PDB file of N, CA and C in Angstrom:
ATOM      1  N   MET A   1     -26.885  28.380  24.388  1.00  0.00           N
ATOM      2  CA  MET A   1     -26.266  27.479  23.062  1.00  0.00           C
ATOM      3  C   MET A   1     -27.431  27.393  22.137  1.00  0.00           C
ATOM      4  N   LYS A   2     -26.922  27.602  20.880  1.00  0.00           N
ATOM      5  CA  LYS A   2     -27.806  27.739  19.680  1.00  0.00           C
ATOM      6  C   LYS A   2     -27.774  26.391  18.873  1.00  0.00           C
ATOM      7  N   TYR A   3     -28.952  25.943  18.445  1.00  0.00           N
ATOM      8  CA  TYR A   3     -28.932  24.400  17.805  1.00  0.00           C
ATOM      9  C   TYR A   3     -29.438  24.650  16.508  1.00  0.00           C
ATOM     10  N   ILE A   4     -28.945  23.556  15.543  1.00  0.00           N
ATOM     11  CA  ILE A   4     -29.846  23.514  14.219  1.00  0.00           C
ATOM     12  C   ILE A   4     -30.272  22.186  14.268  1.00  0.00           C
ATOM     13  N   THR A   5     -31.708  22.140  13.719  1.00  0.00           N
ATOM     14  CA  THR A   5     -32.041  20.778  13.685  1.00  0.00           C
ATOM     15  C   THR A   5     -31.622  20.070  12.301  1.00  0.00           C
ATOM     16  N   PRO A   6     -31.845  18.881  12.241  1.00  0.00           N
ATOM     17  CA  PRO A   6     -31.493  18.090  10.961  1.00  0.00           C
ATOM     18  C   PRO A   6     -32.329  18.580   9.727  1.00  0.00           C
ATOM     19  N   ASN A   7     -33.863  19.042  10.113  1.00  0.00           N
ATOM     20  CA  ASN A   7     -34.449  19.646   9.034  1.00  0.00           C
ATOM     21  C   ASN A   7     -33.910  20.870   8.440  1.00  0.00           C
ATOM     22  N   GLN A   8     -33.402  21.747   9.543  1.00  0.00           N
ATOM     23  CA  GLN A   8     -33.159  22.925   8.892  1.00  0.00           C
ATOM     24  C   GLN A   8     -31.922  22.864   8.176  1.00  0.00           C
ATOM     25  N   LEU A   9     -31.094  21.942   8.800  1.00  0.00           N
ATOM     26  CA  LEU A   9     -29.718  21.698   7.802  1.00  0.00           C
ATOM     27  C   LEU A   9     -30.005  21.269   6.393  1.00  0.00           C
ATOM     28  N   PHE A  10     -31.008  20.259   6.396  1.00  0.00           N
ATOM     29  CA  PHE A  10     -31.437  19.706   5.253  1.00  0.00           C
ATOM     30  C   PHE A  10     -31.983  21.087   4.134  1.00  0.00           C
ATOM     31  N   ASP A  11     -32.844  21.862   5.052  1.00  0.00           N
ATOM     32  CA  ASP A  11     -33.399  22.846   3.928  1.00  0.00           C
ATOM     33  C   ASP A  11     -32.409  23.690   3.351  1.00  0.00           C
ATOM     34  N   LYS A  12     -31.280  23.855   4.209  1.00  0.00           N
ATOM     35  CA  LYS A  12     -30.050  24.769   3.505  1.00  0.00           C
ATOM     36  C   LYS A  12     -29.374  24.104   2.348  1.00  0.00           C
ATOM     37  N   PHE A  13     -29.413  22.807   2.241  1.00  0.00           N
ATOM     38  CA  PHE A  13     -28.682  22.093   1.291  1.00  0.00           C
ATOM     39  C   PHE A  13     -29.567  21.493   0.016  1.00  0.00           C
ATOM     40  N   LYS A  14     -30.901  21.656   0.521  1.00  0.00           N
ATOM     41  CA  LYS A  14     -31.709  20.958  -0.685  1.00  0.00           C
ATOM     42  C   LYS A  14     -31.685  21.289  -2.012  1.00  0.00           C
ATOM     43  N   HIS A  15     -31.037  22.621  -2.256  1.00  0.00           N
ATOM     44  CA  HIS A  15     -30.863  22.866  -3.580  1.00  0.00           C
ATOM     45  C   HIS A  15     -29.703  22.515  -4.173  1.00  0.00           C
ATOM     46  N   LYS A  16     -28.788  21.788  -3.682  1.00  0.00           N
ATOM     47  CA  LYS A  16     -27.461  21.333  -4.075  1.00  0.00           C
ATOM     48  C   LYS A  16     -27.642  19.806  -4.330  1.00  0.00           C
ATOM     49  N   GLU A  17     -27.184  19.325  -5.541  1.00  0.00           N
ATOM     50  CA  GLU A  17     -26.927  18.245  -5.853  1.00  0.00           C
ATOM     51  C   GLU A  17     -25.964  17.448  -5.084  1.00  0.00           C
ATOM     52  N   MET A  18     -24.547  18.091  -4.795  1.00  0.00           N
ATOM     53  CA  MET A  18     -23.483  17.502  -4.289  1.00  0.00           C
ATOM     54  C   MET A  18     -23.054  18.240  -3.011  1.00  0.00           C
ATOM     55  N   LEU A  19     -22.620  17.907  -2.133  1.00  0.00           N
ATOM     56  CA  LEU A  19     -22.304  18.667  -1.124  1.00  0.00           C
ATOM     57  C   LEU A  19     -20.590  18.471  -0.829  1.00  0.00           C
ATOM     58  N   ASP A  20     -19.781  19.508  -0.374  1.00  0.00           N
ATOM     59  CA  ASP A  20     -18.422  19.570   0.070  1.00  0.00           C
ATOM     60  C   ASP A  20     -18.505  19.656   1.356  1.00  0.00           C
ATOM     61  N   ILE A  21     -17.466  19.463   2.125  1.00  0.00           N
ATOM     62  CA  ILE A  21     -17.175  20.095   3.639  1.00  0.00           C
ATOM     63  C   ILE A  21     -17.192  21.369   3.561  1.00  0.00           C
ATOM     64  N   SER A  22     -16.836  22.055   2.613  1.00  0.00           N
ATOM     65  CA  SER A  22     -16.788  23.494   2.793  1.00  0.00           C
ATOM     66  C   SER A  22     -18.346  23.987   2.881  1.00  0.00           C
ATOM     67  N   ASP A  23     -19.260  23.380   2.209  1.00  0.00           N
ATOM     68  CA  ASP A  23     -20.591  23.650   2.298  1.00  0.00           C
ATOM     69  C   ASP A  23     -21.028  23.775   3.802  1.00  0.00           C
ATOM     70  N   LEU A  24     -20.563  22.522   4.496  1.00  0.00           N
ATOM     71  CA  LEU A  24     -21.091  22.535   5.888  1.00  0.00           C
ATOM     72  C   LEU A  24     -20.305  23.389   6.882  1.00  0.00           C
ATOM     73  N   ILE A  25     -19.184  23.863   6.556  1.00  0.00           N
ATOM     74  CA  ILE A  25     -18.571  24.694   7.213  1.00  0.00           C
ATOM     75  C   ILE A  25     -19.089  26.032   6.863  1.00  0.00           C
ATOM     76  N   GLN A  26     -19.590  26.436   5.811  1.00  0.00           N
ATOM     77  CA  GLN A  26     -19.998  27.755   5.614  1.00  0.00           C
ATOM     78  C   GLN A  26     -21.580  27.809   6.399  1.00  0.00           C
ATOM     79  N   VAL A  27     -22.224  26.698   6.441  1.00  0.00           N
ATOM     80  CA  VAL A  27     -23.366  26.954   7.131  1.00  0.00           C
ATOM     81  C   VAL A  27     -23.009  27.024   8.637  1.00  0.00           C
ATOM     82  N   ILE A  28     -22.253  26.465   9.269  1.00  0.00           N
ATOM     83  CA  ILE A  28     -21.974  26.470  10.735  1.00  0.00           C
ATOM     84  C   ILE A  28     -21.554  27.799  11.041  1.00  0.00           C
ATOM     85  N   GLU A  29     -20.457  28.529  10.147  1.00  0.00           N
ATOM     86  CA  GLU A  29     -20.108  29.823  10.242  1.00  0.00           C
ATOM     87  C   GLU A  29     -21.253  30.929  10.185  1.00  0.00           C
ATOM     88  N   ASP A  30     -22.129  30.873   9.288  1.00  0.00           N
ATOM     89  CA  ASP A  30     -23.188  31.557   9.113  1.00  0.00           C
ATOM     90  C   ASP A  30     -24.242  31.517  10.375  1.00  0.00           C
ATOM     91  N   GLU A  31     -24.614  30.273  10.285  1.00  0.00           N
ATOM     92  CA  GLU A  31     -25.532  29.874  11.474  1.00  0.00           C
ATOM     93  C   GLU A  31     -25.342  30.368  12.890  1.00  0.00           C
ATOM     94  N   PHE A  32     -23.970  30.136  13.461  1.00  0.00           N
ATOM     95  CA  PHE A  32     -23.575  30.354  14.647  1.00  0.00           C
ATOM     96  C   PHE A  32     -22.691  31.417  14.914  1.00  0.00           C
ATOM     97  N   ASP A  33     -22.439  32.422  13.503  1.00  0.00           N
ATOM     98  CA  ASP A  33     -21.694  33.298  13.849  1.00  0.00           C
ATOM     99  C   ASP A  33     -19.995  32.958  14.571  1.00  0.00           C
ATOM    100  N   VAL A  34     -19.649  32.049  13.775  1.00  0.00           N
ATOM    101  CA  VAL A  34     -18.242  31.733  14.321  1.00  0.00           C
ATOM    102  C   VAL A  34     -17.307  31.523  13.132  1.00  0.00           C
ATOM    103  N   ASN A  35     -16.187  31.384  13.359  1.00  0.00           N
ATOM    104  CA  ASN A  35     -15.267  31.196  12.270  1.00  0.00           C
ATOM    105  C   ASN A  35     -14.530  29.564  12.601  1.00  0.00           C
ATOM    106  N   VAL A  36     -14.614  28.785  11.389  1.00  0.00           N
ATOM    107  CA  VAL A  36     -14.313  27.447  11.503  1.00  0.00           C
ATOM    108  C   VAL A  36     -13.385  27.241  10.566  1.00  0.00           C
ATOM    109  N   TRP A  37     -12.149  26.558  10.950  1.00  0.00           N
ATOM    110  CA  TRP A  37     -11.015  26.166  10.018  1.00  0.00           C
ATOM    111  C   TRP A  37     -10.641  24.772  10.312  1.00  0.00           C
ATOM    112  N   ILE A  38     -10.382  24.099   9.375  1.00  0.00           N
ATOM    113  CA  ILE A  38      -9.774  22.603   9.665  1.00  0.00           C
ATOM    114  C   ILE A  38      -8.284  22.632   9.590  1.00  0.00           C
ATOM    115  N   GLU A  39      -7.450  22.056  10.404  1.00  0.00           N
ATOM    116  CA  GLU A  39      -6.189  22.000  10.811  1.00  0.00           C
ATOM    117  C   GLU A  39      -5.915  20.741   9.964  1.00  0.00           C
ATOM    118  N   GLU A  40      -4.848  20.584   9.053  1.00  0.00           N
ATOM    119  CA  GLU A  40      -4.537  19.306   8.583  1.00  0.00           C
ATOM    120  C   GLU A  40      -3.422  18.924   9.197  1.00  0.00           C
ATOM    121  N   GLN A  41      -3.642  17.351   9.786  1.00  0.00           N
ATOM    122  CA  GLN A  41      -2.506  16.903  10.635  1.00  0.00           C
ATOM    123  C   GLN A  41      -1.965  15.772   9.658  1.00  0.00           C
ATOM    124  N   ILE A  42      -0.583  15.869   9.298  1.00  0.00           N
ATOM    125  CA  ILE A  42      -0.188  14.882   8.751  1.00  0.00           C
ATOM    126  C   ILE A  42       0.522  13.654   9.729  1.00  0.00           C
ATOM    127  N   VAL A  43      -0.025  12.669   9.552  1.00  0.00           N
ATOM    128  CA  VAL A  43       0.348  11.809  10.558  1.00  0.00           C
ATOM    129  C   VAL A  43       1.260  10.660   9.726  1.00  0.00           C
ATOM    130  N   ASP A  44       2.433  10.310  10.169  1.00  0.00           N
ATOM    131  CA  ASP A  44       3.237   9.426   9.521  1.00  0.00           C
ATOM    132  C   ASP A  44       2.522   7.998  10.100  1.00  0.00           C
ATOM    133  N   SER A  45       1.505   7.373   9.236  1.00  0.00           N
ATOM    134  CA  SER A  45       0.897   6.163   9.782  1.00  0.00           C
ATOM    135  C   SER A  45       1.797   4.970   9.600  1.00  0.00           C
ATOM    136  N   LEU A  46       2.878   5.005   9.078  1.00  0.00           N
ATOM    137  CA  LEU A  46       3.867   4.039   8.799  1.00  0.00           C
ATOM    138  C   LEU A  46       5.220   4.259   9.851  1.00  0.00           C
ATOM    139  N   ASP A  47       5.425   3.456  10.674  1.00  0.00           N
ATOM    140  CA  ASP A  47       6.798   3.694  11.472  1.00  0.00           C
ATOM    141  C   ASP A  47       7.662   2.708  10.793  1.00  0.00           C
ATOM    142  N   ILE A  48       8.559   3.349   9.850  1.00  0.00           N
ATOM    143  CA  ILE A  48       9.434   2.623   9.026  1.00  0.00           C
ATOM    144  C   ILE A  48      10.421   1.905   9.756  1.00  0.00           C
ATOM    145  N   LYS A  49      11.036   2.647  10.670  1.00  0.00           N
ATOM    146  CA  LYS A  49      11.994   1.998  11.497  1.00  0.00           C
ATOM    147  C   LYS A  49      11.516   0.738  12.210  1.00  0.00           C
ATOM    148  N   SER A  50      10.467   0.845  12.611  1.00  0.00           N
ATOM    149  CA  SER A  50      10.066  -0.548  13.519  1.00  0.00           C
ATOM    150  C   SER A  50       9.723  -1.423  12.598  1.00  0.00           C
ATOM    151  N   LEU A  51       9.102  -1.238  11.516  1.00  0.00           N
ATOM    152  CA  LEU A  51       8.888  -2.170  10.405  1.00  0.00           C
ATOM    153  C   LEU A  51      10.076  -3.008  10.047  1.00  0.00           C
ATOM    154  N   ALA A  52      11.350  -2.209   9.716  1.00  0.00           N
ATOM    155  CA  ALA A  52      12.586  -2.425   9.340  1.00  0.00           C
ATOM    156  C   ALA A  52      13.295  -3.475  10.410  1.00  0.00           C
ATOM    157  N   GLU A  53      12.814  -3.276  11.600  1.00  0.00           N
ATOM    158  CA  GLU A  53      13.447  -4.137  12.647  1.00  0.00           C
ATOM    159  C   GLU A  53      12.640  -5.134  13.117  1.00  0.00           C
ATOM    160  N   ASP A  54      11.435  -5.423  12.620  1.00  0.00           N
ATOM    161  CA  ASP A  54      10.433  -6.689  12.857  1.00  0.00           C
ATOM    162  C   ASP A  54      10.893  -7.823  12.292  1.00  0.00           C
ATOM    163  N   ALA A  55      11.368  -8.697  12.929  1.00  0.00           N
ATOM    164  CA  ALA A  55      12.022  -9.840  12.493  1.00  0.00           C
ATOM    165  C   ALA A  55      10.803 -10.930  12.211  1.00  0.00           C
ATOM    166  N   ASN A  56       9.656 -10.819  12.887  1.00  0.00           N
ATOM    167  CA  ASN A  56       8.470 -11.567  12.632  1.00  0.00           C
ATOM    168  C   ASN A  56       7.707 -11.300  11.287  1.00  0.00           C
ATOM    169  N   LEU A  57       7.791  -9.851  11.050  1.00  0.00           N
ATOM    170  CA  LEU A  57       7.281  -9.503   9.753  1.00  0.00           C
ATOM    171  C   LEU A  57       8.076  -9.873   8.599  1.00  0.00           C
ATOM    172  N   PHE A  58       9.492 -10.042   8.603  1.00  0.00           N
ATOM    173  CA  PHE A  58      10.266 -10.532   7.588  1.00  0.00           C
ATOM    174  C   PHE A  58       9.985 -11.793   7.394  1.00  0.00           C
ATOM    175  N   HIS A  59       9.839 -12.556   8.438  1.00  0.00           N
ATOM    176  CA  HIS A  59       9.564 -14.104   8.558  1.00  0.00           C
ATOM    177  C   HIS A  59       8.062 -14.177   7.682  1.00  0.00           C
ATOM    178  N   GLN A  60       7.000 -13.476   8.083  1.00  0.00           N
ATOM    179  CA  GLN A  60       5.521 -13.368   7.509  1.00  0.00           C
ATOM    180  C   GLN A  60       5.622 -13.288   5.837  1.00  0.00           C
ATOM    181  N   ILE A  61       6.665 -12.066   5.450  1.00  0.00           N
ATOM    182  CA  ILE A  61       6.861 -11.997   4.381  1.00  0.00           C
ATOM    183  C   ILE A  61       7.443 -12.910   3.496  1.00  0.00           C
ATOM    184  N   GLN A  62       8.528 -13.412   3.931  1.00  0.00           N
ATOM    185  CA  GLN A  62       9.214 -14.775   3.233  1.00  0.00           C
ATOM    186  C   GLN A  62       8.340 -15.989   3.178  1.00  0.00           C
ATOM    187  N   GLN A  63       7.531 -16.362   4.094  1.00  0.00           N
ATOM    188  CA  GLN A  63       6.450 -17.487   4.188  1.00  0.00           C
ATOM    189  C   GLN A  63       5.540 -17.247   3.098  1.00  0.00           C
ATOM    190  N   SER A  64       4.963 -15.914   2.909  1.00  0.00           N
ATOM    191  CA  SER A  64       4.218 -15.506   2.033  1.00  0.00           C
ATOM    192  C   SER A  64       4.831 -15.788   0.454  1.00  0.00           C
ATOM    193  N   ARG A  65       5.741 -15.357   0.203  1.00  0.00           N
ATOM    194  CA  ARG A  65       6.473 -15.471  -0.957  1.00  0.00           C
ATOM    195  C   ARG A  65       6.617 -16.977  -1.198  1.00  0.00           C
ATOM    196  N   ASP A  66       7.206 -17.960  -0.179  1.00  0.00           N
ATOM    197  CA  ASP A  66       7.221 -19.345  -0.560  1.00  0.00           C
ATOM    198  C   ASP A  66       5.860 -19.892  -0.752  1.00  0.00           C
ATOM    199  N   ASP A  67       4.796 -19.361  -0.248  1.00  0.00           N
ATOM    200  CA  ASP A  67       3.300 -19.957  -0.497  1.00  0.00           C
ATOM    201  C   ASP A  67       2.928 -19.578  -1.846  1.00  0.00           C
ATOM    202  N   ARG A  68       3.467 -18.547  -2.296  1.00  0.00           N
ATOM    203  CA  ARG A  68       2.883 -18.052  -3.519  1.00  0.00           C
ATOM    204  C   ARG A  68       3.676 -19.070  -4.816  1.00  0.00           C
ATOM    205  N   LYS A  69       4.878 -19.041  -4.377  1.00  0.00           N
ATOM    206  CA  LYS A  69       5.759 -19.900  -5.520  1.00  0.00           C
ATOM    207  C   LYS A  69       5.446 -21.317  -5.412  1.00  0.00           C
ATOM    208  N   SER A  70       4.722 -21.954  -4.341  1.00  0.00           N
ATOM    209  CA  SER A  70       4.308 -23.385  -4.076  1.00  0.00           C
ATOM    210  C   SER A  70       2.930 -23.263  -4.404  1.00  0.00           C
ATOM    211  N   ASP A  71       2.203 -22.515  -5.137  1.00  0.00           N
ATOM    212  CA  ASP A  71       0.930 -22.290  -5.337  1.00  0.00           C
ATOM    213  C   ASP A  71      -0.041 -22.580  -4.055  1.00  0.00           C
ATOM    214  N   ARG A  72       0.288 -22.256  -2.780  1.00  0.00           N
ATOM    215  CA  ARG A  72      -0.453 -22.336  -1.679  1.00  0.00           C
ATOM    216  C   ARG A  72      -1.056 -20.902  -1.310  1.00  0.00           C
ATOM    217  N   VAL A  73      -1.562 -20.358  -2.447  1.00  0.00           N
ATOM    218  CA  VAL A  73      -2.379 -19.056  -2.327  1.00  0.00           C
ATOM    219  C   VAL A  73      -3.878 -19.406  -2.809  1.00  0.00           C
ATOM    220  N   PHE A  74      -4.888 -19.171  -2.266  1.00  0.00           N
ATOM    221  CA  PHE A  74      -6.224 -19.443  -2.581  1.00  0.00           C
ATOM    222  C   PHE A  74      -7.000 -18.197  -2.842  1.00  0.00           C
ATOM    223  N   GLU A  75      -7.851 -18.612  -3.908  1.00  0.00           N
ATOM    224  CA  GLU A  75      -8.866 -17.598  -4.341  1.00  0.00           C
ATOM    225  C   GLU A  75      -9.828 -17.634  -3.120  1.00  0.00           C
ATOM    226  N   GLN A  76     -10.868 -16.803  -3.182  1.00  0.00           N
ATOM    227  CA  GLN A  76     -11.747 -16.539  -2.256  1.00  0.00           C
ATOM    228  C   GLN A  76     -12.560 -17.952  -1.840  1.00  0.00           C
ATOM    229  N   GLN A  77     -13.229 -18.605  -2.601  1.00  0.00           N
ATOM    230  CA  GLN A  77     -13.745 -19.600  -2.509  1.00  0.00           C
ATOM    231  C   GLN A  77     -12.998 -21.059  -2.113  1.00  0.00           C
ATOM    232  N   ALA A  78     -11.840 -21.134  -2.805  1.00  0.00           N
ATOM    233  CA  ALA A  78     -10.989 -22.034  -2.375  1.00  0.00           C
ATOM    234  C   ALA A  78     -10.523 -22.002  -0.944  1.00  0.00           C
ATOM    235  N   GLY A  79     -10.388 -20.591  -0.624  1.00  0.00           N
ATOM    236  CA  GLY A  79      -9.582 -20.281   0.733  1.00  0.00           C
ATOM    237  C   GLY A  79     -10.669 -20.926   1.890  1.00  0.00           C
ATOM    238  N   LEU A  80     -12.130 -20.357   1.394  1.00  0.00           N
ATOM    239  CA  LEU A  80     -13.262 -20.763   2.366  1.00  0.00           C
ATOM    240  C   LEU A  80     -13.261 -22.449   2.539  1.00  0.00           C
ATOM    241  N   ASP A  81     -13.242 -23.008   1.439  1.00  0.00           N
ATOM    242  CA  ASP A  81     -13.065 -24.431   1.345  1.00  0.00           C
ATOM    243  C   ASP A  81     -12.032 -25.007   2.251  1.00  0.00           C
ATOM    244  N   TYR A  82     -10.941 -24.656   2.177  1.00  0.00           N
ATOM    245  CA  TYR A  82      -9.912 -24.937   2.710  1.00  0.00           C
ATOM    246  C   TYR A  82     -10.078 -24.590   4.401  1.00  0.00           C
ATOM    247  N   LEU A  83     -10.481 -23.562   4.950  1.00  0.00           N
ATOM    248  CA  LEU A  83     -10.840 -23.488   6.165  1.00  0.00           C
ATOM    249  C   LEU A  83     -11.967 -24.310   6.746  1.00  0.00           C
ATOM    250  N   ARG A  84     -13.045 -24.636   6.116  1.00  0.00           N
ATOM    251  CA  ARG A  84     -13.863 -25.413   6.285  1.00  0.00           C
ATOM    252  C   ARG A  84     -13.311 -26.714   6.714  1.00  0.00           C
ATOM    253  N   LYS A  85     -12.691 -27.448   5.801  1.00  0.00           N
ATOM    254  CA  LYS A  85     -11.981 -28.689   5.875  1.00  0.00           C
ATOM    255  C   LYS A  85     -11.306 -28.744   7.240  1.00  0.00           C
ATOM    256  N   LYS A  86     -10.302 -27.640   7.344  1.00  0.00           N
ATOM    257  CA  LYS A  86      -9.442 -27.605   8.570  1.00  0.00           C
ATOM    258  C   LYS A  86     -10.423 -27.485   9.820  1.00  0.00           C
ATOM    259  N   THR A  87     -11.501 -26.836   9.659  1.00  0.00           N
ATOM    260  CA  THR A  87     -12.420 -26.764  10.964  1.00  0.00           C
ATOM    261  C   THR A  87     -12.895 -27.877  11.087  1.00  0.00           C
ATOM    262  N   GLU A  88     -13.347 -28.721  10.075  1.00  0.00           N
ATOM    263  CA  GLU A  88     -13.917 -30.229  10.447  1.00  0.00           C
ATOM    264  C   GLU A  88     -13.005 -31.002  10.954  1.00  0.00           C
ATOM    265  N   VAL A  89     -11.718 -31.114  10.569  1.00  0.00           N
ATOM    266  CA  VAL A  89     -10.838 -31.917  10.978  1.00  0.00           C
ATOM    267  C   VAL A  89     -10.469 -31.608  12.544  1.00  0.00           C
ATOM    268  N   PHE A  90     -10.090 -30.254  12.897  1.00  0.00           N
ATOM    269  CA  PHE A  90     -10.306 -29.954  14.104  1.00  0.00           C
ATOM    270  C   PHE A  90     -11.261 -30.278  15.053  1.00  0.00           C
ATOM    271  N   GLU A  91     -12.624 -30.071  14.570  1.00  0.00           N
ATOM    272  CA  GLU A  91     -13.539 -30.376  15.390  1.00  0.00           C
ATOM    273  C   GLU A  91     -13.797 -31.999  15.622  1.00  0.00           C
ATOM    274  N   ARG A  92     -13.267 -32.751  14.655  1.00  0.00           N
ATOM    275  CA  ARG A  92     -13.439 -34.254  14.623  1.00  0.00           C
ATOM    276  C   ARG A  92     -12.204 -34.608  15.779  1.00  0.00           C
ATOM    277  N   GLU A  93     -11.135 -34.169  15.764  1.00  0.00           N
ATOM    278  CA  GLU A  93     -10.081 -34.466  16.708  1.00  0.00           C
ATOM    279  C   GLU A  93     -10.567 -34.169  18.006  1.00  0.00           C
ATOM    280  N   GLN A  94     -11.235 -32.959  18.484  1.00  0.00           N
ATOM    281  CA  GLN A  94     -11.811 -32.774  19.697  1.00  0.00           C
ATOM    282  C   GLN A  94     -12.735 -33.493  20.152  1.00  0.00           C
ATOM    283  N   LYS A  95     -13.743 -34.145  19.364  1.00  0.00           N
ATOM    284  CA  LYS A  95     -14.525 -34.990  19.675  1.00  0.00           C
ATOM    285  C   LYS A  95     -14.077 -36.506  20.261  1.00  0.00           C
ATOM    286  N   VAL A  96     -12.769 -36.849  19.786  1.00  0.00           N
ATOM    287  CA  VAL A  96     -12.204 -38.223  20.017  1.00  0.00           C
ATOM    288  C   VAL A  96     -11.728 -38.188  21.264  1.00  0.00           C
TER     289      VAL A  96
END
């Protein structure tokens, strides 16, 4: 089996300011005398049907909308402060 070291790979690219995946593929093809191709897989990452049937998701969305209407949405620092207070209350209750 033939190998290429990181230094050898670096030497092949040191003259380039930017690299594309095609550059790496070209080196692999030249160095190892192989043909390389990339197959594009289109994956439907969202299962729309499952989302449409998820009652819990609808409940969360509605609750989020209600929170926004009631100004119960926090910026980063305000959210951290809120969580700290909730944690302190919880810890105090646990000690009792």
